[in-house]
Amino acid sequence: MFYSRMFFISIKKSKVTLGSKDKCVICSKKIQFHYNPMEEWGMEGSICGKCYSKKIKEYYPGEHTRVNKHLD
């Protein structure tokens, strides 16, 4: 008799999708839309739109106009 051996390899796909249940690395709230922090901010992981805007204001002072506020 011939027996075939089957090996199943499960591959985890890493997805960054809209509506994911990940948490912001700054405020720990659920993220609806992921923002990647800039390298000079010295952090890893995704951040939410509000925290991204705060960081932009810290590092780039001046007038900034937010668009798509309704997505927060």
PDB file of N, CA and C in Angstrom:
ATOM      1  N   MET A   1       0.829  -1.173   0.000  1.00  0.00           N
ATOM      2  CA  MET A   1       0.000   0.000   0.000  1.00  0.00           C
ATOM      3  C   MET A   1       0.882   1.249   0.000  1.00  0.00           C
ATOM      4  N   PHE A   2       0.373   2.270  -0.638  1.00  0.00           N
ATOM      5  CA  PHE A   2       1.098   3.540  -0.717  1.00  0.00           C
ATOM      6  C   PHE A   2       0.352   4.583   0.101  1.00  0.00           C
ATOM      7  N   TYR A   3       1.016   5.131   1.064  1.00  0.00           N
ATOM      8  CA  TYR A   3       0.420   6.182   1.896  1.00  0.00           C
ATOM      9  C   TYR A   3       1.116   7.505   1.586  1.00  0.00           C
ATOM     10  N   SER A   4       0.331   8.455   1.241  1.00  0.00           N
ATOM     11  CA  SER A   4       0.936   9.767   1.003  1.00  0.00           C
ATOM     12  C   SER A   4       0.904  10.562   2.304  1.00  0.00           C
ATOM     13  N   ARG A   5       1.939  11.293   2.513  1.00  0.00           N
ATOM     14  CA  ARG A   5       1.991  12.133   3.699  1.00  0.00           C
ATOM     15  C   ARG A   5       1.661  13.547   3.293  1.00  0.00           C
ATOM     16  N   MET A   6       0.766  14.125   4.022  1.00  0.00           N
ATOM     17  CA  MET A   6       0.371  15.492   3.740  1.00  0.00           C
ATOM     18  C   MET A   6       0.834  16.379   4.882  1.00  0.00           C
ATOM     19  N   PHE A   7       1.409  17.456   4.507  1.00  0.00           N
ATOM     20  CA  PHE A   7       1.827  18.440   5.483  1.00  0.00           C
ATOM     21  C   PHE A   7       1.048  19.711   5.225  1.00  0.00           C
ATOM     22  N   PHE A   8       0.451  20.215   6.254  1.00  0.00           N
ATOM     23  CA  PHE A   8      -0.298  21.450   6.139  1.00  0.00           C
ATOM     24  C   PHE A   8       0.484  22.551   6.839  1.00  0.00           C
ATOM     25  N   ILE A   9       0.764  23.554   6.091  1.00  0.00           N
ATOM     26  CA  ILE A   9       1.476  24.692   6.648  1.00  0.00           C
ATOM     27  C   ILE A   9       0.511  25.853   6.672  1.00  0.00           C
ATOM     28  N   SER A  10       0.273  26.354   7.860  1.00  0.00           N
ATOM     29  CA  SER A  10      -0.609  27.506   7.945  1.00  0.00           C
ATOM     30  C   SER A  10       0.228  28.771   7.888  1.00  0.00           C
ATOM     31  N   ILE A  11      -0.158  29.641   7.029  1.00  0.00           N
ATOM     32  CA  ILE A  11       0.545  30.898   6.855  1.00  0.00           C
ATOM     33  C   ILE A  11      -0.367  32.012   7.320  1.00  0.00           C
ATOM     34  N   LYS A  12       0.113  32.760   8.287  1.00  0.00           N
ATOM     35  CA  LYS A  12      -0.661  33.904   8.760  1.00  0.00           C
ATOM     36  C   LYS A  12      -0.376  35.083   7.859  1.00  0.00           C
ATOM     37  N   LYS A  13      -1.415  35.666   7.359  1.00  0.00           N
ATOM     38  CA  LYS A  13      -1.256  36.854   6.542  1.00  0.00           C
ATOM     39  C   LYS A  13      -1.457  38.068   7.426  1.00  0.00           C
ATOM     40  N   SER A  14      -0.516  38.958   7.339  1.00  0.00           N
ATOM     41  CA  SER A  14      -0.635  40.177   8.118  1.00  0.00           C
ATOM     42  C   SER A  14      -1.386  41.195   7.286  1.00  0.00           C
ATOM     43  N   LYS A  15      -2.490  41.670   7.819  1.00  0.00           N
ATOM     44  CA  LYS A  15      -3.317  42.633   7.095  1.00  0.00           C
ATOM     45  C   LYS A  15      -3.502  43.879   7.932  1.00  0.00           C
ATOM     46  N   VAL A  16      -3.389  44.992   7.277  1.00  0.00           N
ATOM     47  CA  VAL A  16      -3.760  46.255   7.910  1.00  0.00           C
ATOM     48  C   VAL A  16      -4.973  46.714   7.122  1.00  0.00           C
ATOM     49  N   THR A  17      -6.119  46.583   7.739  1.00  0.00           N
ATOM     50  CA  THR A  17      -7.355  46.880   7.031  1.00  0.00           C
ATOM     51  C   THR A  17      -8.158  47.933   7.765  1.00  0.00           C
ATOM     52  N   LEU A  18      -9.034  48.562   7.036  1.00  0.00           N
ATOM     53  CA  LEU A  18      -9.942  49.517   7.659  1.00  0.00           C
ATOM     54  C   LEU A  18     -10.875  48.773   8.602  1.00  0.00           C
ATOM     55  N   GLY A  19     -11.178  49.372   9.707  1.00  0.00           N
ATOM     56  CA  GLY A  19     -12.106  48.779  10.657  1.00  0.00           C
ATOM     57  C   GLY A  19     -11.489  47.712  11.532  1.00  0.00           C
ATOM     58  N   SER A  20     -10.187  47.592  11.511  1.00  0.00           N
ATOM     59  CA  SER A  20      -9.521  46.607  12.333  1.00  0.00           C
ATOM     60  C   SER A  20      -9.704  46.958  13.809  1.00  0.00           C
ATOM     61  N   LYS A  21      -9.569  45.995  14.671  1.00  0.00           N
ATOM     62  CA  LYS A  21      -9.797  46.193  16.098  1.00  0.00           C
ATOM     63  C   LYS A  21      -8.500  46.474  16.855  1.00  0.00           C
ATOM     64  N   ASP A  22      -7.438  46.851  16.154  1.00  0.00           N
ATOM     65  CA  ASP A  22      -6.179  47.173  16.822  1.00  0.00           C
ATOM     66  C   ASP A  22      -6.335  48.433  17.665  1.00  0.00           C
ATOM     67  N   LYS A  23      -5.411  48.583  18.603  1.00  0.00           N
ATOM     68  CA  LYS A  23      -5.457  49.749  19.482  1.00  0.00           C
ATOM     69  C   LYS A  23      -4.320  50.703  19.157  1.00  0.00           C
ATOM     70  N   CYS A  24      -4.565  51.963  19.398  1.00  0.00           N
ATOM     71  CA  CYS A  24      -3.579  53.016  19.200  1.00  0.00           C
ATOM     72  C   CYS A  24      -2.467  52.850  20.237  1.00  0.00           C
ATOM     73  N   VAL A  25      -1.197  52.994  19.812  1.00  0.00           N
ATOM     74  CA  VAL A  25      -0.083  52.836  20.745  1.00  0.00           C
ATOM     75  C   VAL A  25       0.034  54.007  21.718  1.00  0.00           C
ATOM     76  N   ILE A  26      -0.644  55.118  21.445  1.00  0.00           N
ATOM     77  CA  ILE A  26      -0.586  56.275  22.332  1.00  0.00           C
ATOM     78  C   ILE A  26      -1.750  56.287  23.317  1.00  0.00           C
ATOM     79  N   CYS A  27      -2.983  56.236  22.798  1.00  0.00           N
ATOM     80  CA  CYS A  27      -4.158  56.376  23.672  1.00  0.00           C
ATOM     81  C   CYS A  27      -4.869  55.055  23.971  1.00  0.00           C
ATOM     82  N   SER A  28      -4.485  53.979  23.324  1.00  0.00           N
ATOM     83  CA  SER A  28      -5.049  52.626  23.526  1.00  0.00           C
ATOM     84  C   SER A  28      -6.505  52.484  23.109  1.00  0.00           C
ATOM     85  N   LYS A  29      -7.027  53.435  22.334  1.00  0.00           N
ATOM     86  CA  LYS A  29      -8.396  53.302  21.826  1.00  0.00           C
ATOM     87  C   LYS A  29      -8.383  52.482  20.539  1.00  0.00           C
ATOM     88  N   LYS A  30      -9.537  51.916  20.197  1.00  0.00           N
ATOM     89  CA  LYS A  30      -9.643  51.143  18.956  1.00  0.00           C
ATOM     90  C   LYS A  30      -9.427  52.057  17.753  1.00  0.00           C
ATOM     91  N   ILE A  31      -8.723  51.534  16.763  1.00  0.00           N
ATOM     92  CA  ILE A  31      -8.393  52.315  15.575  1.00  0.00           C
ATOM     93  C   ILE A  31      -9.356  51.972  14.445  1.00  0.00           C
ATOM     94  N   GLN A  32      -9.953  52.996  13.865  1.00  0.00           N
ATOM     95  CA  GLN A  32     -10.799  52.803  12.689  1.00  0.00           C
ATOM     96  C   GLN A  32      -9.977  52.918  11.405  1.00  0.00           C
ATOM     97  N   PHE A  33      -9.019  53.841  11.402  1.00  0.00           N
ATOM     98  CA  PHE A  33      -8.149  54.037  10.245  1.00  0.00           C
ATOM     99  C   PHE A  33      -6.727  54.164  10.776  1.00  0.00           C
ATOM    100  N   HIS A  34      -5.846  53.313  10.302  1.00  0.00           N
ATOM    101  CA  HIS A  34      -4.469  53.250  10.792  1.00  0.00           C
ATOM    102  C   HIS A  34      -3.599  54.350  10.201  1.00  0.00           C
ATOM    103  N   TYR A  35      -2.802  54.955  11.069  1.00  0.00           N
ATOM    104  CA  TYR A  35      -1.769  55.897  10.649  1.00  0.00           C
ATOM    105  C   TYR A  35      -0.437  55.349  11.135  1.00  0.00           C
ATOM    106  N   ASN A  36       0.569  55.400  10.287  1.00  0.00           N
ATOM    107  CA  ASN A  36       1.902  54.967  10.683  1.00  0.00           C
ATOM    108  C   ASN A  36       2.676  56.164  11.214  1.00  0.00           C
ATOM    109  N   PRO A  37       3.249  56.035  12.401  1.00  0.00           N
ATOM    110  CA  PRO A  37       4.019  57.151  12.954  1.00  0.00           C
ATOM    111  C   PRO A  37       5.296  57.384  12.153  1.00  0.00           C
ATOM    112  N   MET A  38       5.760  58.612  12.129  1.00  0.00           N
ATOM    113  CA  MET A  38       7.004  58.940  11.440  1.00  0.00           C
ATOM    114  C   MET A  38       8.180  58.426  12.257  1.00  0.00           C
ATOM    115  N   GLU A  39       9.272  58.112  11.573  1.00  0.00           N
ATOM    116  CA  GLU A  39      10.438  57.529  12.248  1.00  0.00           C
ATOM    117  C   GLU A  39      10.955  58.400  13.384  1.00  0.00           C
ATOM    118  N   GLU A  40      10.961  59.709  13.186  1.00  0.00           N
ATOM    119  CA  GLU A  40      11.504  60.603  14.212  1.00  0.00           C
ATOM    120  C   GLU A  40      10.656  60.648  15.482  1.00  0.00           C
ATOM    121  N   TRP A  41       9.460  60.102  15.451  1.00  0.00           N
ATOM    122  CA  TRP A  41       8.611  60.059  16.638  1.00  0.00           C
ATOM    123  C   TRP A  41       9.048  58.962  17.603  1.00  0.00           C
ATOM    124  N   GLY A  42       9.832  58.010  17.112  1.00  0.00           N
ATOM    125  CA  GLY A  42      10.384  56.960  17.973  1.00  0.00           C
ATOM    126  C   GLY A  42       9.375  55.996  18.550  1.00  0.00           C
ATOM    127  N   MET A  43       8.399  55.579  17.767  1.00  0.00           N
ATOM    128  CA  MET A  43       7.414  54.608  18.250  1.00  0.00           C
ATOM    129  C   MET A  43       7.100  53.610  17.149  1.00  0.00           C
ATOM    130  N   GLU A  44       6.645  52.436  17.553  1.00  0.00           N
ATOM    131  CA  GLU A  44       6.274  51.401  16.595  1.00  0.00           C
ATOM    132  C   GLU A  44       4.818  51.031  16.794  1.00  0.00           C
ATOM    133  N   GLY A  45       4.151  50.702  15.719  1.00  0.00           N
ATOM    134  CA  GLY A  45       2.749  50.329  15.772  1.00  0.00           C
ATOM    135  C   GLY A  45       1.894  51.391  15.112  1.00  0.00           C
ATOM    136  N   SER A  46       0.613  51.152  15.086  1.00  0.00           N
ATOM    137  CA  SER A  46      -0.324  52.076  14.456  1.00  0.00           C
ATOM    138  C   SER A  46      -0.883  53.061  15.471  1.00  0.00           C
ATOM    139  N   ILE A  47      -1.233  54.232  14.973  1.00  0.00           N
ATOM    140  CA  ILE A  47      -1.865  55.226  15.840  1.00  0.00           C
ATOM    141  C   ILE A  47      -3.156  55.711  15.182  1.00  0.00           C
ATOM    142  N   CYS A  48      -4.040  56.253  15.995  1.00  0.00           N
ATOM    143  CA  CYS A  48      -5.332  56.739  15.507  1.00  0.00           C
ATOM    144  C   CYS A  48      -5.163  58.135  14.900  1.00  0.00           C
ATOM    145  N   GLY A  49      -6.165  58.607  14.226  1.00  0.00           N
ATOM    146  CA  GLY A  49      -6.122  59.907  13.561  1.00  0.00           C
ATOM    147  C   GLY A  49      -5.944  61.071  14.516  1.00  0.00           C
ATOM    148  N   LYS A  50      -6.589  61.008  15.670  1.00  0.00           N
ATOM    149  CA  LYS A  50      -6.473  62.103  16.638  1.00  0.00           C
ATOM    150  C   LYS A  50      -5.046  62.215  17.164  1.00  0.00           C
ATOM    151  N   CYS A  51      -4.444  61.095  17.508  1.00  0.00           N
ATOM    152  CA  CYS A  51      -3.076  61.112  18.020  1.00  0.00           C
ATOM    153  C   CYS A  51      -2.092  61.497  16.918  1.00  0.00           C
ATOM    154  N   TYR A  52      -2.369  61.073  15.698  1.00  0.00           N
ATOM    155  CA  TYR A  52      -1.508  61.455  14.573  1.00  0.00           C
ATOM    156  C   TYR A  52      -1.536  62.974  14.391  1.00  0.00           C
ATOM    157  N   SER A  53      -2.708  63.561  14.474  1.00  0.00           N
ATOM    158  CA  SER A  53      -2.840  65.018  14.340  1.00  0.00           C
ATOM    159  C   SER A  53      -2.105  65.743  15.457  1.00  0.00           C
ATOM    160  N   LYS A  54      -2.204  65.221  16.691  1.00  0.00           N
ATOM    161  CA  LYS A  54      -1.503  65.835  17.820  1.00  0.00           C
ATOM    162  C   LYS A  54       0.005  65.787  17.610  1.00  0.00           C
ATOM    163  N   LYS A  55       0.508  64.659  17.144  1.00  0.00           N
ATOM    164  CA  LYS A  55       1.941  64.519  16.909  1.00  0.00           C
ATOM    165  C   LYS A  55       2.409  65.439  15.789  1.00  0.00           C
ATOM    166  N   ILE A  56       1.614  65.564  14.742  1.00  0.00           N
ATOM    167  CA  ILE A  56       1.962  66.465  13.629  1.00  0.00           C
ATOM    168  C   ILE A  56       2.096  67.894  14.171  1.00  0.00           C
ATOM    169  N   LYS A  57       1.148  68.301  15.022  1.00  0.00           N
ATOM    170  CA  LYS A  57       1.194  69.657  15.592  1.00  0.00           C
ATOM    171  C   LYS A  57       2.422  69.855  16.479  1.00  0.00           C
ATOM    172  N   GLU A  58       2.832  68.817  17.201  1.00  0.00           N
ATOM    173  CA  GLU A  58       4.023  68.906  18.051  1.00  0.00           C
ATOM    174  C   GLU A  58       5.294  69.097  17.223  1.00  0.00           C
ATOM    175  N   TYR A  59       5.431  68.298  16.187  1.00  0.00           N
ATOM    176  CA  TYR A  59       6.648  68.291  15.394  1.00  0.00           C
ATOM    177  C   TYR A  59       6.666  69.348  14.290  1.00  0.00           C
ATOM    178  N   TYR A  60       5.506  69.752  13.845  1.00  0.00           N
ATOM    179  CA  TYR A  60       5.398  70.750  12.785  1.00  0.00           C
ATOM    180  C   TYR A  60       4.434  71.841  13.224  1.00  0.00           C
ATOM    181  N   PRO A  61       4.906  72.773  14.051  1.00  0.00           N
ATOM    182  CA  PRO A  61       4.016  73.824  14.556  1.00  0.00           C
ATOM    183  C   PRO A  61       3.542  74.745  13.430  1.00  0.00           C
ATOM    184  N   GLY A  62       2.388  75.332  13.636  1.00  0.00           N
ATOM    185  CA  GLY A  62       1.807  76.224  12.645  1.00  0.00           C
ATOM    186  C   GLY A  62       0.360  75.859  12.419  1.00  0.00           C
ATOM    187  N   GLU A  63      -0.216  76.400  11.380  1.00  0.00           N
ATOM    188  CA  GLU A  63      -1.624  76.157  11.051  1.00  0.00           C
ATOM    189  C   GLU A  63      -1.757  74.888  10.216  1.00  0.00           C
ATOM    190  N   HIS A  64      -2.586  73.961  10.700  1.00  0.00           N
ATOM    191  CA  HIS A  64      -2.859  72.728   9.969  1.00  0.00           C
ATOM    192  C   HIS A  64      -4.366  72.586   9.828  1.00  0.00           C
ATOM    193  N   THR A  65      -4.829  72.295   8.642  1.00  0.00           N
ATOM    194  CA  THR A  65      -6.248  72.116   8.405  1.00  0.00           C
ATOM    195  C   THR A  65      -6.533  70.632   8.249  1.00  0.00           C
ATOM    196  N   ARG A  66      -7.366  70.102   9.134  1.00  0.00           N
ATOM    197  CA  ARG A  66      -7.740  68.698   9.065  1.00  0.00           C
ATOM    198  C   ARG A  66      -8.841  68.513   8.042  1.00  0.00           C
ATOM    199  N   VAL A  67      -8.744  67.456   7.301  1.00  0.00           N
ATOM    200  CA  VAL A  67      -9.796  67.083   6.354  1.00  0.00           C
ATOM    201  C   VAL A  67     -10.368  65.747   6.802  1.00  0.00           C
ATOM    202  N   ASN A  68     -11.564  65.463   6.378  1.00  0.00           N
ATOM    203  CA  ASN A  68     -12.250  64.205   6.705  1.00  0.00           C
ATOM    204  C   ASN A  68     -12.413  63.994   8.206  1.00  0.00           C
ATOM    205  N   LYS A  69     -12.737  65.042   8.935  1.00  0.00           N
ATOM    206  CA  LYS A  69     -12.952  64.927  10.377  1.00  0.00           C
ATOM    207  C   LYS A  69     -14.078  63.953  10.705  1.00  0.00           C
ATOM    208  N   HIS A  70     -15.017  63.832   9.804  1.00  0.00           N
ATOM    209  CA  HIS A  70     -16.170  62.962  10.056  1.00  0.00           C
ATOM    210  C   HIS A  70     -15.751  61.479  10.178  1.00  0.00           C
ATOM    211  N   LEU A  71     -14.518  61.131   9.791  1.00  0.00           N
ATOM    212  CA  LEU A  71     -14.059  59.738   9.881  1.00  0.00           C
ATOM    213  C   LEU A  71     -13.551  59.374  11.267  1.00  0.00           C
ATOM    214  N   ASP A  72     -13.344  60.350  12.135  1.00  0.00           N
ATOM    215  CA  ASP A  72     -12.852  60.078  13.500  1.00  0.00           C
ATOM    216  C   ASP A  72     -13.900  59.417  14.342  1.00  0.00           C
TER     217      ASP A  72
END
